[in-house]
């Protein structure tokens, strides 16, 4: 496993990621929720809310007792435009107490990028617009949350990597390293260019341009490579851009709940999001 991203990077990753990110205590009550979770769950993302019940997951206690990661669990969301999707859940300790670490992926009606624009209020473009819109009710987490975000990075079963401006993988969590088959030798992946893990080079070349232009990649089905074998994934990725310069990406990669579905297509940059 690589080192954790910096404190600044972790806070940016949590607050402004495109999937919902939450931490719950042993009783399933929300401790932390990011902006995307607040959009997806509305009042159900508030501190103290029993998250499993709100998602329609009624076996949280047994999942916590087992302690094994859960992937692509069907879940219900309060957002009327994005009312269904999937939950990935892992478990770990912070200061000797057990917590649940959740990644929530909404189902959209149309990914971005795409050769043709989507229509309606439930597209990937509509989703990232909700995440990015201003909301005075949301207060970004601060330094006291870093320990929880580090535990999230180490335990939630969603692949996370941060890519630098030149395409180098600066940081990758355990799940990301595993999904590309580099668990035994993480340094064969971390510190190298991201293009090596994509099965289709035209896809990653398109993505490299999008990250530099702060254009999102949301609910996009692609294939990674694990020792030469294709691995179907769903990508949620945005960029941390400052003064027109890419600082790093915020890439979340989920094992595809529907691996037999056709892979999504890219096209020339469309910045009308």
Protein backbone atom coordinates (compact mmCIF):
# COMPACT_ATOMS: atom_id res chain seq x y z
CA UNK A 1 0.00 0.00 0.00
CA UNK A 2 1.27 3.48 -0.80
CA UNK A 3 1.57 6.21 1.78
CA UNK A 4 -1.50 8.28 2.46
CA UNK A 5 -2.03 11.40 0.40
CA UNK A 6 -1.23 14.63 2.21
CA UNK A 7 -3.59 16.18 4.73
CA UNK A 8 -4.64 18.78 2.15
CA UNK A 9 -5.25 16.12 -0.48
CA UNK A 10 -7.29 13.94 1.86
CA UNK A 11 -9.56 16.80 2.85
CA UNK A 12 -10.06 17.81 -0.78
CA UNK A 13 -10.67 14.18 -1.75
CA UNK A 14 -13.34 13.67 0.88
CA UNK A 15 -15.14 17.00 0.62
CA UNK A 16 -15.38 17.23 -3.17
CA UNK A 17 -15.36 13.65 -4.48
CA UNK A 18 -18.09 12.68 -6.95
CA UNK A 19 -19.33 9.52 -5.14
CA UNK A 20 -20.99 9.70 -1.74
CA UNK A 21 -18.49 9.10 1.07
CA UNK A 22 -19.65 8.46 4.64
CA UNK A 23 -18.33 7.15 7.93
CA UNK A 24 -20.67 5.46 10.40
CA UNK A 25 -20.14 4.25 13.94
CA UNK A 26 -20.78 0.75 15.30
CA UNK A 27 -24.51 1.49 15.50
CA UNK A 28 -24.62 2.65 11.87
CA UNK A 29 -25.04 6.33 12.77
CA UNK A 30 -23.48 8.87 10.42
CA UNK A 31 -20.28 10.43 11.75
CA UNK A 32 -19.02 12.11 8.56
CA UNK A 33 -20.59 12.71 5.14
CA UNK A 34 -19.21 14.52 2.11
CA UNK A 35 -20.97 16.94 -0.23
CA UNK A 36 -21.92 14.19 -2.70
CA UNK A 37 -23.48 12.17 0.12
CA UNK A 38 -25.46 15.22 1.23
CA UNK A 39 -26.82 15.61 -2.31
CA UNK A 40 -27.57 11.91 -2.69
CA UNK A 41 -29.14 11.29 0.71
CA UNK A 42 -30.49 14.72 1.68
CA UNK A 43 -31.45 14.64 5.38
CA UNK A 44 -30.31 11.01 5.66
CA UNK A 45 -26.70 12.24 5.47
CA UNK A 46 -27.00 14.24 8.68
CA UNK A 47 -24.84 13.29 11.64
CA UNK A 48 -26.54 10.71 13.84
CA UNK A 49 -28.85 9.32 11.15
CA UNK A 50 -28.89 5.52 11.00
CA UNK A 51 -27.52 5.10 7.50
CA UNK A 52 -28.09 1.38 6.82
CA UNK A 53 -31.84 1.68 7.35
CA UNK A 54 -32.00 4.78 5.16
CA UNK A 55 -30.31 2.83 2.36
CA UNK A 56 -32.56 -0.21 2.78
CA UNK A 57 -29.72 -2.34 4.18
CA UNK A 58 -31.04 -4.27 7.17
CA UNK A 59 -28.07 -6.48 8.08
CA UNK A 60 -25.47 -3.89 9.09
CA UNK A 61 -24.82 -5.50 12.48
CA UNK A 62 -23.96 -8.86 10.91
CA UNK A 63 -21.84 -7.17 8.25
CA UNK A 64 -19.95 -5.29 10.96
CA UNK A 65 -19.47 -8.48 12.96
CA UNK A 66 -18.09 -10.29 9.90
CA UNK A 67 -15.82 -7.38 9.10
CA UNK A 68 -15.44 -8.33 5.44
CA UNK A 69 -15.74 -5.77 2.64
CA UNK A 70 -19.06 -5.50 0.81
CA UNK A 71 -19.22 -4.50 -2.85
CA UNK A 72 -22.09 -3.43 -5.12
CA UNK A 73 -24.85 -3.79 -2.56
CA UNK A 74 -28.06 -2.37 -4.01
CA UNK A 75 -29.16 0.75 -2.15
CA UNK A 76 -31.96 3.32 -2.20
CA UNK A 77 -31.26 7.06 -2.05
CA UNK A 78 -33.45 10.01 -1.05
CA UNK A 79 -32.54 12.10 -4.10
CA UNK A 80 -35.51 11.83 -6.51
CA UNK A 81 -33.27 12.18 -9.58
CA UNK A 82 -30.83 9.52 -8.38
CA UNK A 83 -32.94 7.22 -6.25
CA UNK A 84 -30.99 3.99 -6.70
CA UNK A 85 -27.45 2.79 -6.91
CA UNK A 86 -24.86 0.75 -5.09
CA UNK A 87 -23.01 0.80 -1.78
CA UNK A 88 -19.49 -0.43 -1.11
CA UNK A 89 -18.72 -0.85 2.57
CA UNK A 90 -15.61 -1.65 4.56
CA UNK A 91 -14.78 -1.71 8.26
CA UNK A 92 -11.89 -0.57 10.40
CA UNK A 93 -10.92 1.03 13.69
CA UNK A 94 -10.20 4.62 14.63
CA UNK A 95 -8.80 5.14 18.13
CA UNK A 96 -9.78 1.56 18.98
CA UNK A 97 -13.44 1.94 17.97
CA UNK A 98 -15.05 0.20 14.96
CA UNK A 99 -16.44 2.22 12.07
CA UNK A 100 -18.03 1.61 8.70
CA UNK A 101 -16.66 3.31 5.60
CA UNK A 102 -19.13 3.75 2.75
CA UNK A 103 -18.81 4.64 -0.94
CA UNK A 104 -22.16 5.30 -2.63
CA UNK A 105 -22.46 5.22 -6.42
CA UNK A 106 -25.66 6.58 -7.98
CA UNK A 107 -27.00 5.02 -11.17
CA UNK A 108 -27.33 7.62 -13.92
CA UNK A 109 -29.20 7.41 -17.21
CA UNK A 110 -26.26 8.58 -19.34
CA UNK A 111 -22.50 8.68 -18.61
CA UNK A 112 -20.05 11.47 -19.25
CA UNK A 113 -18.10 11.55 -21.50
CA UNK A 114 -20.27 10.14 -24.26
CA UNK A 115 -20.47 10.39 -28.07
CA UNK A 116 -23.96 11.87 -27.74
CA UNK A 117 -25.30 14.19 -25.04
CA UNK A 118 -27.75 12.85 -22.50
CA UNK A 119 -31.05 14.47 -21.67
CA UNK A 120 -33.02 14.83 -18.47
CA UNK A 121 -32.33 15.34 -14.80
CA UNK A 122 -30.74 11.95 -14.06
CA UNK A 123 -27.67 11.99 -16.31
CA UNK A 124 -24.07 11.88 -15.09
CA UNK A 125 -23.75 15.53 -16.11
CA UNK A 126 -26.76 16.39 -13.95
CA UNK A 127 -25.27 14.44 -11.05
CA UNK A 128 -21.94 16.28 -11.04
CA UNK A 129 -23.79 19.58 -11.38
CA UNK A 130 -25.60 18.78 -8.12
CA UNK A 131 -22.34 17.83 -6.41
CA UNK A 132 -20.61 21.01 -7.57
CA UNK A 133 -23.41 23.48 -6.83
CA UNK A 134 -23.06 25.77 -3.87
CA UNK A 135 -24.87 24.77 -0.70
CA UNK A 136 -24.47 26.83 2.45
CA UNK A 137 -25.92 23.96 4.46
CA UNK A 138 -22.85 21.83 3.73
CA UNK A 139 -19.82 22.49 5.88
CA UNK A 140 -16.60 20.89 4.57
CA UNK A 141 -14.84 18.67 7.07
CA UNK A 142 -11.60 19.94 8.59
CA UNK A 143 -8.42 18.70 10.18
CA UNK A 144 -10.17 16.73 12.92
CA UNK A 145 -11.54 14.41 10.21
CA UNK A 146 -8.16 13.45 8.70
CA UNK A 147 -7.75 10.35 10.86
CA UNK A 148 -11.15 9.10 9.72
CA UNK A 149 -10.36 9.83 6.07
CA UNK A 150 -7.08 7.93 6.37
CA UNK A 151 -9.02 4.98 7.79
CA UNK A 152 -11.52 5.33 4.94
CA UNK A 153 -8.68 5.23 2.40
CA UNK A 154 -7.31 2.10 4.08
CA UNK A 155 -10.57 0.19 4.50
CA UNK A 156 -13.32 1.20 2.07
CA UNK A 157 -13.49 -1.28 -0.85
CA UNK A 158 -13.44 1.32 -3.60
CA UNK A 159 -10.31 1.92 -5.67
CA UNK A 160 -8.91 5.42 -5.12
CA UNK A 161 -6.02 6.99 -6.96
CA UNK A 162 -4.67 10.50 -7.35
CA UNK A 163 -3.02 11.34 -10.67
CA UNK A 164 -0.62 14.25 -11.17
CA UNK A 165 -0.52 16.66 -14.11
CA UNK A 166 1.91 14.50 -16.10
CA UNK A 167 -0.27 11.39 -15.72
CA UNK A 168 1.75 9.80 -12.92
CA UNK A 169 -0.11 7.82 -10.27
CA UNK A 170 0.94 9.72 -7.14
CA UNK A 171 -1.16 7.77 -4.64
CA UNK A 172 -3.28 4.63 -4.76
CA UNK A 173 -5.10 2.82 -1.98
CA UNK A 174 -5.08 -0.92 -1.33
CA UNK A 175 -8.15 -1.60 -3.47
CA UNK A 176 -6.77 0.32 -6.42
CA UNK A 177 -3.46 -1.51 -6.20
CA UNK A 178 -5.30 -4.84 -6.00
CA UNK A 179 -7.63 -4.17 -8.92
CA UNK A 180 -4.63 -3.76 -11.26
CA UNK A 181 -2.82 -6.81 -9.87
CA UNK A 182 0.00 -4.91 -8.15
CA UNK A 183 -0.56 -5.95 -4.52
CA UNK A 184 2.74 -7.82 -4.30
CA UNK A 185 4.70 -5.01 -5.93
CA UNK A 186 2.84 -1.68 -5.57
CA UNK A 187 5.83 0.24 -6.91
CA UNK A 188 5.23 -1.28 -10.35
CA UNK A 189 2.06 0.81 -10.46
CA UNK A 190 2.37 3.75 -8.08
CA UNK A 191 4.83 6.26 -9.50
CA UNK A 192 4.16 5.21 -13.08
CA UNK A 193 1.92 6.62 -15.81
CA UNK A 194 -1.78 5.82 -15.53
CA UNK A 195 -2.08 4.78 -19.20
CA UNK A 196 -0.49 1.40 -18.47
CA UNK A 197 -3.55 0.11 -16.59
CA UNK A 198 -6.16 0.96 -19.24
CA UNK A 199 -7.12 -1.75 -21.70
CA UNK A 200 -8.14 0.80 -24.34
CA UNK A 201 -5.58 3.52 -24.91
CA UNK A 202 -7.92 5.92 -26.72
CA UNK A 203 -10.01 6.05 -23.54
CA UNK A 204 -7.17 7.05 -21.23
CA UNK A 205 -5.78 9.54 -23.76
CA UNK A 206 -9.20 11.23 -23.79
CA UNK A 207 -9.27 11.19 -19.99
CA UNK A 208 -5.85 12.83 -19.74
CA UNK A 209 -7.19 15.81 -21.67
CA UNK A 210 -10.32 15.97 -19.54
CA UNK A 211 -8.46 16.05 -16.26
CA UNK A 212 -6.35 18.96 -17.51
CA UNK A 213 -9.52 20.85 -18.49
CA UNK A 214 -11.32 20.07 -15.21
CA UNK A 215 -13.93 18.02 -17.12
CA UNK A 216 -15.59 15.23 -15.08
CA UNK A 217 -15.73 11.52 -15.87
CA UNK A 218 -18.85 10.12 -14.21
CA UNK A 219 -20.52 6.69 -14.23
CA UNK A 220 -18.24 5.63 -17.09
CA UNK A 221 -17.74 1.95 -17.84
CA UNK A 222 -14.20 1.04 -18.91
CA UNK A 223 -11.75 -1.84 -18.60
CA UNK A 224 -8.58 -1.84 -16.51
CA UNK A 225 -5.82 -4.39 -16.99
CA UNK A 226 -4.81 -6.90 -14.32
CA UNK A 227 -1.83 -8.95 -15.56
CA UNK A 228 -3.14 -8.75 -19.09
CA UNK A 229 -6.76 -9.57 -18.26
CA UNK A 230 -9.56 -7.04 -18.67
CA UNK A 231 -11.28 -5.92 -15.46
CA UNK A 232 -14.66 -4.17 -15.97
CA UNK A 233 -14.95 -1.05 -13.81
CA UNK A 234 -17.12 2.03 -13.34
CA UNK A 235 -15.23 5.31 -12.99
CA UNK A 236 -16.18 8.46 -11.06
CA UNK A 237 -13.42 11.04 -11.48
CA UNK A 238 -13.03 14.77 -11.05
CA UNK A 239 -10.01 17.07 -10.91
CA UNK A 240 -8.54 19.33 -8.27
CA UNK A 241 -7.57 22.33 -10.40
CA UNK A 242 -6.10 25.55 -9.07
CA UNK A 243 -5.15 28.56 -11.22
CA UNK A 244 -5.79 26.51 -14.37
CA UNK A 245 -3.28 23.90 -13.22
CA UNK A 246 -4.14 20.29 -12.34
CA UNK A 247 -2.98 19.54 -8.81
CA UNK A 248 -4.32 15.99 -8.79
CA UNK A 249 -7.34 13.96 -9.78
CA UNK A 250 -9.92 12.47 -7.45
CA UNK A 251 -10.47 9.07 -9.08
CA UNK A 252 -12.85 6.47 -7.64
CA UNK A 253 -13.10 3.14 -9.42
CA UNK A 254 -15.81 0.60 -8.62
CA UNK A 255 -15.92 -3.06 -9.70
CA UNK A 256 -18.66 -3.09 -12.32
CA UNK A 257 -21.97 -4.41 -11.01
CA UNK A 258 -22.83 -5.33 -14.61
CA UNK A 259 -19.53 -6.52 -16.11
CA UNK A 260 -21.17 -7.87 -19.27
CA UNK A 261 -22.49 -4.46 -20.29
CA UNK A 262 -20.91 -2.74 -23.28
CA UNK A 263 -18.07 -0.40 -22.41
CA UNK A 264 -18.77 3.31 -22.76
CA UNK A 265 -17.41 5.44 -25.59
CA UNK A 266 -15.49 8.70 -25.53
CA UNK A 267 -15.34 11.57 -27.98
CA UNK A 268 -13.67 14.96 -28.34
CA UNK A 269 -13.86 17.23 -25.31
CA UNK A 270 -17.30 18.53 -24.48
CA UNK A 271 -17.04 21.07 -21.68
CA UNK A 272 -20.72 21.96 -21.58
CA UNK A 273 -21.28 20.37 -18.17
